Amino acid sequence: MFNRTNLLIVLVALCAGLGLWAGRLYFDASAARAGVGPPATAETPAVAQERLRSVRLHAPRPLDPFVLQQSDGSPLEPADLRGRWTIVFLGFTHCPDVCPTTLQDLAKAQRQWEALPEAIRPQVLFVSVDPERDTPEKTGQYAAFFHPETLAATAPEPALQQFAAGLGLVYMKVATAAGDYTMDHSATLVVLDPQGRRTGVIQPQHAPQPPLDPEAIAADLALLATEAP
């Protein structure tokens, strides 16, 4: 019989789900508005916004100090991301849909950048938000499956949470009915300029449009790399 206890459990689960959904919307919207992190730097945009199709620029914001661990065991720090435009994507290797689809789309863009000089070639950084299951090595192997030049890293808590918060992104561990867990995370991609500052976002489109447009991403980052290296 569906008693009051069962009803309470359903209501709690529903509220938790709605809270997580609302949280993702809030943090993704915050990322788009660049309303988090250190104060923005007042300067002329790298490229006029009307020339870009996918990237939404905002005033550059320096990232807080961070240390992630790359797939080869070496540390990844802010200085390592300077010199080239970078797209940062949070995900995890057990992700059933969003992560592989996003990395596949980004790989299409990466292949179009191969003709650019290495010194200014845009790069992709995949950061696993599931360090419990994703070792740095496993994270690197997963990212390299889509494109060999993709940077990959992760970090233990609380360093990982602090890194994500500095980007204006969110993730959360969610229990499944099978007794396992999954990771819910922002789908927004963050764009860093060659100074390693958070300077733009790429937000997935709503259905029925494909979530990402690899052609537009490739064109936007190539434009930024060549005109604002």
C-alpha atoms as a PDB file:
ATOM      1  CA  MET A   1       0.000   0.000   0.000  1.00  0.00           C
ATOM      2  CA  PHE A   2       1.193   3.515  -0.821  1.00  0.00           C
ATOM      3  CA  ASN A   3       1.319   4.886   2.747  1.00  0.00           C
ATOM      4  CA  ARG A   4       2.455   8.228   4.127  1.00  0.00           C
ATOM      5  CA  THR A   5       6.031   7.033   4.525  1.00  0.00           C
ATOM      6  CA  ASN A   6       6.263   6.113   0.836  1.00  0.00           C
ATOM      7  CA  LEU A   7       4.719   9.445  -0.088  1.00  0.00           C
ATOM      8  CA  LEU A   8       7.308  11.269   2.020  1.00  0.00           C
ATOM      9  CA  ILE A   9      10.159   9.378   0.328  1.00  0.00           C
ATOM     10  CA  VAL A  10       8.818  10.274  -3.110  1.00  0.00           C
ATOM     11  CA  LEU A  11       8.458  13.930  -2.160  1.00  0.00           C
ATOM     12  CA  VAL A  12      11.993  14.082  -0.766  1.00  0.00           C
ATOM     13  CA  ALA A  13      13.397  12.468  -3.925  1.00  0.00           C
ATOM     14  CA  LEU A  14      11.400  14.830  -6.097  1.00  0.00           C
ATOM     15  CA  CYS A  15      12.630  17.880  -4.184  1.00  0.00           C
ATOM     16  CA  ALA A  16      16.208  16.664  -4.400  1.00  0.00           C
ATOM     17  CA  GLY A  17      15.898  16.153  -8.137  1.00  0.00           C
ATOM     18  CA  LEU A  18      14.343  19.553  -8.654  1.00  0.00           C
ATOM     19  CA  GLY A  19      17.015  21.150  -6.502  1.00  0.00           C
ATOM     20  CA  LEU A  20      19.790  19.547  -8.538  1.00  0.00           C
ATOM     21  CA  TRP A  21      18.126  20.564 -11.792  1.00  0.00           C
ATOM     22  CA  ALA A  22      17.691  24.128 -10.548  1.00  0.00           C
ATOM     23  CA  GLY A  23      21.266  24.176  -9.325  1.00  0.00           C
ATOM     24  CA  ARG A  24      22.595  23.179 -12.729  1.00  0.00           C
ATOM     25  CA  LEU A  25      20.517  25.857 -14.409  1.00  0.00           C
ATOM     26  CA  TYR A  26      21.677  28.449 -11.903  1.00  0.00           C
ATOM     27  CA  PHE A  27      25.373  27.661 -12.176  1.00  0.00           C
ATOM     28  CA  ASP A  28      25.293  27.360 -15.964  1.00  0.00           C
ATOM     29  CA  ALA A  29      23.509  30.701 -16.158  1.00  0.00           C
ATOM     30  CA  SER A  30      26.084  32.164 -13.784  1.00  0.00           C
ATOM     31  CA  ALA A  31      28.851  30.918 -16.030  1.00  0.00           C
ATOM     32  CA  ALA A  32      27.253  32.589 -19.014  1.00  0.00           C
ATOM     33  CA  ARG A  33      26.986  35.879 -17.129  1.00  0.00           C
ATOM     34  CA  ALA A  34      30.508  35.501 -15.720  1.00  0.00           C
ATOM     35  CA  GLY A  35      29.152  36.444 -12.340  1.00  0.00           C
ATOM     36  CA  VAL A  36      31.641  34.431 -10.280  1.00  0.00           C
ATOM     37  CA  GLY A  37      35.330  34.492  -9.488  1.00  0.00           C
ATOM     38  CA  PRO A  38      37.740  37.392  -9.093  1.00  0.00           C
ATOM     39  CA  PRO A  39      36.876  40.837 -10.460  1.00  0.00           C
ATOM     40  CA  ALA A  40      36.780  41.140 -14.230  1.00  0.00           C
ATOM     41  CA  THR A  41      39.496  43.021 -16.072  1.00  0.00           C
ATOM     42  CA  ALA A  42      38.183  46.037 -17.970  1.00  0.00           C
ATOM     43  CA  GLU A  43      39.609  45.770 -21.458  1.00  0.00           C
ATOM     44  CA  THR A  44      38.541  45.578 -25.086  1.00  0.00           C
ATOM     45  CA  PRO A  45      37.093  42.168 -26.066  1.00  0.00           C
ATOM     46  CA  ALA A  46      39.574  39.906 -27.860  1.00  0.00           C
ATOM     47  CA  VAL A  47      37.289  39.785 -30.920  1.00  0.00           C
ATOM     48  CA  ALA A  48      33.984  41.539 -31.580  1.00  0.00           C
ATOM     49  CA  GLN A  49      31.154  39.339 -30.317  1.00  0.00           C
ATOM     50  CA  GLU A  50      29.181  39.637 -33.556  1.00  0.00           C
ATOM     51  CA  ARG A  51      31.978  37.809 -35.376  1.00  0.00           C
ATOM     52  CA  LEU A  52      31.576  34.724 -33.174  1.00  0.00           C
ATOM     53  CA  ARG A  53      28.919  32.055 -33.629  1.00  0.00           C
ATOM     54  CA  SER A  54      29.355  29.814 -30.610  1.00  0.00           C
ATOM     55  CA  VAL A  55      31.616  31.448 -28.018  1.00  0.00           C
ATOM     56  CA  ARG A  56      30.046  34.084 -25.778  1.00  0.00           C
ATOM     57  CA  LEU A  57      32.751  36.423 -24.519  1.00  0.00           C
ATOM     58  CA  HIS A  58      32.794  38.339 -21.253  1.00  0.00           C
ATOM     59  CA  ALA A  59      35.352  40.487 -19.462  1.00  0.00           C
ATOM     60  CA  PRO A  60      38.384  38.344 -18.531  1.00  0.00           C
ATOM     61  CA  ARG A  61      38.473  36.983 -14.992  1.00  0.00           C
ATOM     62  CA  PRO A  62      41.667  35.534 -13.482  1.00  0.00           C
ATOM     63  CA  LEU A  63      41.346  32.020 -12.087  1.00  0.00           C
ATOM     64  CA  ASP A  64      42.130  31.233  -8.483  1.00  0.00           C
ATOM     65  CA  PRO A  65      45.327  29.196  -8.009  1.00  0.00           C
ATOM     66  CA  PHE A  66      44.800  25.468  -8.604  1.00  0.00           C
ATOM     67  CA  VAL A  67      46.764  22.239  -8.976  1.00  0.00           C
ATOM     68  CA  LEU A  68      45.310  19.315 -10.931  1.00  0.00           C
ATOM     69  CA  GLN A  69      47.032  16.038 -11.748  1.00  0.00           C
ATOM     70  CA  GLN A  70      47.540  15.171 -15.412  1.00  0.00           C
ATOM     71  CA  SER A  71      47.344  11.694 -16.889  1.00  0.00           C
ATOM     72  CA  ASP A  72      51.147  11.313 -16.812  1.00  0.00           C
ATOM     73  CA  GLY A  73      51.246  12.185 -13.123  1.00  0.00           C
ATOM     74  CA  SER A  74      52.612  15.696 -13.577  1.00  0.00           C
ATOM     75  CA  PRO A  75      50.821  18.681 -11.986  1.00  0.00           C
ATOM     76  CA  LEU A  76      48.677  21.022 -14.057  1.00  0.00           C
ATOM     77  CA  GLU A  77      48.754  24.603 -12.798  1.00  0.00           C
ATOM     78  CA  PRO A  78      47.494  27.938 -14.200  1.00  0.00           C
ATOM     79  CA  ALA A  79      50.846  28.690 -15.858  1.00  0.00           C
ATOM     80  CA  ASP A  80      50.528  25.489 -17.912  1.00  0.00           C
ATOM     81  CA  LEU A  81      47.411  26.832 -19.655  1.00  0.00           C
ATOM     82  CA  ARG A  82      48.947  30.126 -20.707  1.00  0.00           C
ATOM     83  CA  GLY A  83      49.963  30.855 -24.268  1.00  0.00           C
ATOM     84  CA  ARG A  84      47.021  29.251 -26.059  1.00  0.00           C
ATOM     85  CA  TRP A  85      43.227  29.489 -26.076  1.00  0.00           C
ATOM     86  CA  THR A  86      41.743  26.634 -24.060  1.00  0.00           C
ATOM     87  CA  ILE A  87      38.302  25.032 -23.831  1.00  0.00           C
ATOM     88  CA  VAL A  88      37.666  23.408 -20.435  1.00  0.00           C
ATOM     89  CA  PHE A  89      35.039  20.670 -20.100  1.00  0.00           C
ATOM     90  CA  LEU A  90      34.055  18.871 -16.884  1.00  0.00           C
ATOM     91  CA  GLY A  91      32.866  15.269 -17.133  1.00  0.00           C
ATOM     92  CA  PHE A  92      33.653  11.685 -16.109  1.00  0.00           C
ATOM     93  CA  THR A  93      34.507   8.422 -17.845  1.00  0.00           C
ATOM     94  CA  HIS A  94      31.329   6.583 -16.790  1.00  0.00           C
ATOM     95  CA  CYS A  95      29.162   9.308 -18.340  1.00  0.00           C
ATOM     96  CA  PRO A  96      26.604   7.625 -20.635  1.00  0.00           C
ATOM     97  CA  ASP A  97      25.820  10.439 -23.058  1.00  0.00           C
ATOM     98  CA  VAL A  98      26.829  14.083 -22.573  1.00  0.00           C
ATOM     99  CA  CYS A  99      30.563  13.481 -22.050  1.00  0.00           C
ATOM    100  CA  PRO A 100      31.286  11.227 -25.041  1.00  0.00           C
ATOM    101  CA  THR A 101      29.093  13.340 -27.294  1.00  0.00           C
ATOM    102  CA  THR A 102      30.787  16.558 -26.206  1.00  0.00           C
ATOM    103  CA  LEU A 103      34.307  15.155 -26.539  1.00  0.00           C
ATOM    104  CA  GLN A 104      33.429  13.775 -29.967  1.00  0.00           C
ATOM    105  CA  ASP A 105      32.208  17.207 -31.087  1.00  0.00           C
ATOM    106  CA  LEU A 106      35.295  18.892 -29.661  1.00  0.00           C
ATOM    107  CA  ALA A 107      37.499  16.362 -31.461  1.00  0.00           C
ATOM    108  CA  LYS A 108      35.907  17.454 -34.746  1.00  0.00           C
ATOM    109  CA  ALA A 109      36.934  21.020 -33.938  1.00  0.00           C
ATOM    110  CA  GLN A 110      40.433  19.915 -32.900  1.00  0.00           C
ATOM    111  CA  ARG A 111      40.971  18.206 -36.239  1.00  0.00           C
ATOM    112  CA  GLN A 112      40.192  21.483 -37.978  1.00  0.00           C
ATOM    113  CA  TRP A 113      42.842  23.265 -35.887  1.00  0.00           C
ATOM    114  CA  GLU A 114      45.628  20.893 -36.918  1.00  0.00           C
ATOM    115  CA  ALA A 115      46.653  23.234 -39.741  1.00  0.00           C
ATOM    116  CA  LEU A 116      47.304  26.059 -37.277  1.00  0.00           C
ATOM    117  CA  PRO A 117      50.822  26.588 -35.893  1.00  0.00           C
ATOM    118  CA  GLU A 118      51.256  24.614 -32.667  1.00  0.00           C
ATOM    119  CA  ALA A 119      52.230  27.761 -30.766  1.00  0.00           C
ATOM    120  CA  ILE A 120      48.749  29.249 -31.163  1.00  0.00           C
ATOM    121  CA  ARG A 121      46.666  26.107 -31.734  1.00  0.00           C
ATOM    122  CA  PRO A 122      43.630  26.020 -29.393  1.00  0.00           C
ATOM    123  CA  GLN A 123      43.533  23.173 -26.911  1.00  0.00           C
ATOM    124  CA  VAL A 124      40.920  21.188 -24.996  1.00  0.00           C
ATOM    125  CA  LEU A 125      41.182  20.292 -21.309  1.00  0.00           C
ATOM    126  CA  PHE A 126      38.955  17.487 -19.995  1.00  0.00           C
ATOM    127  CA  VAL A 127      38.703  17.363 -16.196  1.00  0.00           C
ATOM    128  CA  SER A 128      37.089  14.374 -14.503  1.00  0.00           C
ATOM    129  CA  VAL A 129      34.789  15.226 -11.595  1.00  0.00           C
ATOM    130  CA  ASP A 130      34.790  11.578 -10.463  1.00  0.00           C
ATOM    131  CA  PRO A 131      38.225  11.080  -8.857  1.00  0.00           C
ATOM    132  CA  GLU A 132      36.865   8.140  -6.854  1.00  0.00           C
ATOM    133  CA  ARG A 133      36.711   6.038 -10.036  1.00  0.00           C
ATOM    134  CA  ASP A 134      38.759   8.072 -12.523  1.00  0.00           C
ATOM    135  CA  THR A 135      42.472   8.009 -11.872  1.00  0.00           C
ATOM    136  CA  PRO A 136      44.524  10.566 -13.807  1.00  0.00           C
ATOM    137  CA  GLU A 137      45.761   7.750 -16.077  1.00  0.00           C
ATOM    138  CA  LYS A 138      42.252   6.484 -16.804  1.00  0.00           C
ATOM    139  CA  THR A 139      41.039  10.030 -17.434  1.00  0.00           C
ATOM    140  CA  GLY A 140      43.851  10.550 -19.924  1.00  0.00           C
ATOM    141  CA  GLN A 141      43.150   7.303 -21.757  1.00  0.00           C
ATOM    142  CA  TYR A 142      39.476   8.206 -22.039  1.00  0.00           C
ATOM    143  CA  ALA A 143      40.169  11.698 -23.396  1.00  0.00           C
ATOM    144  CA  ALA A 144      42.827  10.464 -25.830  1.00  0.00           C
ATOM    145  CA  PHE A 145      40.345   8.023 -27.353  1.00  0.00           C
ATOM    146  CA  PHE A 146      38.527  11.028 -28.838  1.00  0.00           C
ATOM    147  CA  HIS A 147      41.606  13.080 -29.739  1.00  0.00           C
ATOM    148  CA  PRO A 148      45.256  12.430 -28.801  1.00  0.00           C
ATOM    149  CA  GLU A 149      46.001  16.104 -28.091  1.00  0.00           C
ATOM    150  CA  THR A 150      43.267  16.528 -25.487  1.00  0.00           C
ATOM    151  CA  LEU A 151      44.687  17.453 -22.103  1.00  0.00           C
ATOM    152  CA  ALA A 152      43.238  15.434 -19.236  1.00  0.00           C
ATOM    153  CA  ALA A 153      43.395  15.872 -15.478  1.00  0.00           C
ATOM    154  CA  THR A 154      41.569  15.426 -12.200  1.00  0.00           C
ATOM    155  CA  ALA A 155      42.213  16.148  -8.524  1.00  0.00           C
ATOM    156  CA  PRO A 156      41.151  14.977  -5.069  1.00  0.00           C
ATOM    157  CA  GLU A 157      38.601  16.923  -3.080  1.00  0.00           C
ATOM    158  CA  PRO A 158      38.391  19.741  -2.088  1.00  0.00           C
ATOM    159  CA  ALA A 159      40.832  20.946  -4.754  1.00  0.00           C
ATOM    160  CA  LEU A 160      38.571  19.668  -7.536  1.00  0.00           C
ATOM    161  CA  GLN A 161      35.518  21.471  -6.181  1.00  0.00           C
ATOM    162  CA  GLN A 162      37.487  24.694  -5.819  1.00  0.00           C
ATOM    163  CA  PHE A 163      38.701  24.451  -9.419  1.00  0.00           C
ATOM    164  CA  ALA A 164      35.162  23.916 -10.724  1.00  0.00           C
ATOM    165  CA  ALA A 165      33.791  26.767  -8.621  1.00  0.00           C
ATOM    166  CA  GLY A 166      36.474  29.070  -9.997  1.00  0.00           C
ATOM    167  CA  LEU A 167      35.138  28.335 -13.468  1.00  0.00           C
ATOM    168  CA  GLY A 168      31.550  28.972 -12.372  1.00  0.00           C
ATOM    169  CA  LEU A 169      30.636  25.294 -12.878  1.00  0.00           C
ATOM    170  CA  VAL A 170      28.987  22.728 -10.623  1.00  0.00           C
ATOM    171  CA  TYR A 171      28.904  18.957 -10.183  1.00  0.00           C
ATOM    172  CA  MET A 172      27.289  16.568  -7.736  1.00  0.00           C
ATOM    173  CA  LYS A 173      27.404  12.882  -6.892  1.00  0.00           C
ATOM    174  CA  VAL A 174      23.966  11.292  -7.371  1.00  0.00           C
ATOM    175  CA  ALA A 175      22.946   7.817  -6.158  1.00  0.00           C
ATOM    176  CA  THR A 176      21.260   5.496  -8.655  1.00  0.00           C
ATOM    177  CA  ALA A 177      18.462   2.976  -8.092  1.00  0.00           C
ATOM    178  CA  ALA A 178      20.943   0.170  -8.772  1.00  0.00           C
ATOM    179  CA  GLY A 179      22.949   1.118  -5.690  1.00  0.00           C
ATOM    180  CA  ASP A 180      25.729   2.754  -7.693  1.00  0.00           C
ATOM    181  CA  TYR A 181      26.188   6.457  -8.400  1.00  0.00           C
ATOM    182  CA  THR A 182      26.554   8.867 -11.275  1.00  0.00           C
ATOM    183  CA  MET A 183      27.846  12.425 -11.524  1.00  0.00           C
ATOM    184  CA  ASP A 184      25.643  15.329 -12.482  1.00  0.00           C
ATOM    185  CA  HIS A 185      27.647  18.244 -13.858  1.00  0.00           C
ATOM    186  CA  SER A 186      27.418  21.464 -15.821  1.00  0.00           C
ATOM    187  CA  ALA A 187      27.409  21.017 -19.583  1.00  0.00           C
ATOM    188  CA  THR A 188      28.739  24.536 -20.192  1.00  0.00           C
ATOM    189  CA  LEU A 189      32.228  24.746 -21.702  1.00  0.00           C
ATOM    190  CA  VAL A 190      34.523  27.446 -20.347  1.00  0.00           C
ATOM    191  CA  VAL A 191      36.919  29.329 -22.629  1.00  0.00           C
ATOM    192  CA  LEU A 192      40.257  30.530 -21.258  1.00  0.00           C
ATOM    193  CA  ASP A 193      42.357  33.132 -23.072  1.00  0.00           C
ATOM    194  CA  PRO A 194      46.151  32.840 -23.583  1.00  0.00           C
ATOM    195  CA  GLN A 195      46.667  34.558 -20.224  1.00  0.00           C
ATOM    196  CA  GLY A 196      44.784  31.696 -18.563  1.00  0.00           C
ATOM    197  CA  ARG A 197      41.792  33.879 -17.689  1.00  0.00           C
ATOM    198  CA  ARG A 198      38.164  32.828 -17.869  1.00  0.00           C
ATOM    199  CA  THR A 199      36.959  34.921 -20.797  1.00  0.00           C
ATOM    200  CA  GLY A 200      34.017  33.141 -22.400  1.00  0.00           C
ATOM    201  CA  VAL A 201      31.604  30.214 -22.444  1.00  0.00           C
ATOM    202  CA  ILE A 202      30.073  27.838 -24.955  1.00  0.00           C
ATOM    203  CA  GLN A 203      26.620  26.728 -23.903  1.00  0.00           C
ATOM    204  CA  PRO A 204      24.823  23.730 -25.417  1.00  0.00           C
ATOM    205  CA  GLN A 205      21.831  24.550 -27.572  1.00  0.00           C
ATOM    206  CA  HIS A 206      18.330  23.362 -26.779  1.00  0.00           C
ATOM    207  CA  ALA A 207      16.580  20.597 -28.694  1.00  0.00           C
ATOM    208  CA  PRO A 208      15.747  20.045 -31.506  1.00  0.00           C
ATOM    209  CA  GLN A 209      19.122  21.636 -32.381  1.00  0.00           C
ATOM    210  CA  PRO A 210      22.281  19.556 -31.764  1.00  0.00           C
ATOM    211  CA  PRO A 211      23.792  20.521 -28.377  1.00  0.00           C
ATOM    212  CA  LEU A 212      27.060  21.742 -29.905  1.00  0.00           C
ATOM    213  CA  ASP A 213      28.103  23.007 -33.322  1.00  0.00           C
ATOM    214  CA  PRO A 214      31.657  21.724 -33.974  1.00  0.00           C
ATOM    215  CA  GLU A 215      32.029  23.846 -37.113  1.00  0.00           C
ATOM    216  CA  ALA A 216      31.137  27.020 -35.221  1.00  0.00           C
ATOM    217  CA  ILE A 217      33.389  26.141 -32.285  1.00  0.00           C
ATOM    218  CA  ALA A 218      36.295  25.418 -34.633  1.00  0.00           C
ATOM    219  CA  ALA A 219      35.805  28.680 -36.523  1.00  0.00           C
ATOM    220  CA  ASP A 220      35.450  30.777 -33.358  1.00  0.00           C
ATOM    221  CA  LEU A 221      38.552  29.410 -31.646  1.00  0.00           C
ATOM    222  CA  ALA A 222      40.605  29.631 -34.843  1.00  0.00           C
ATOM    223  CA  LEU A 223      39.580  33.271 -35.162  1.00  0.00           C
ATOM    224  CA  LEU A 224      40.485  33.987 -31.546  1.00  0.00           C
ATOM    225  CA  ALA A 225      43.788  32.149 -31.854  1.00  0.00           C
ATOM    226  CA  THR A 226      44.889  34.012 -34.959  1.00  0.00           C
ATOM    227  CA  GLU A 227      43.640  37.482 -34.083  1.00  0.00           C
ATOM    228  CA  ALA A 228      44.151  37.471 -30.311  1.00  0.00           C
ATOM    229  CA  PRO A 229      47.077  35.087 -29.683  1.00  0.00           C
END
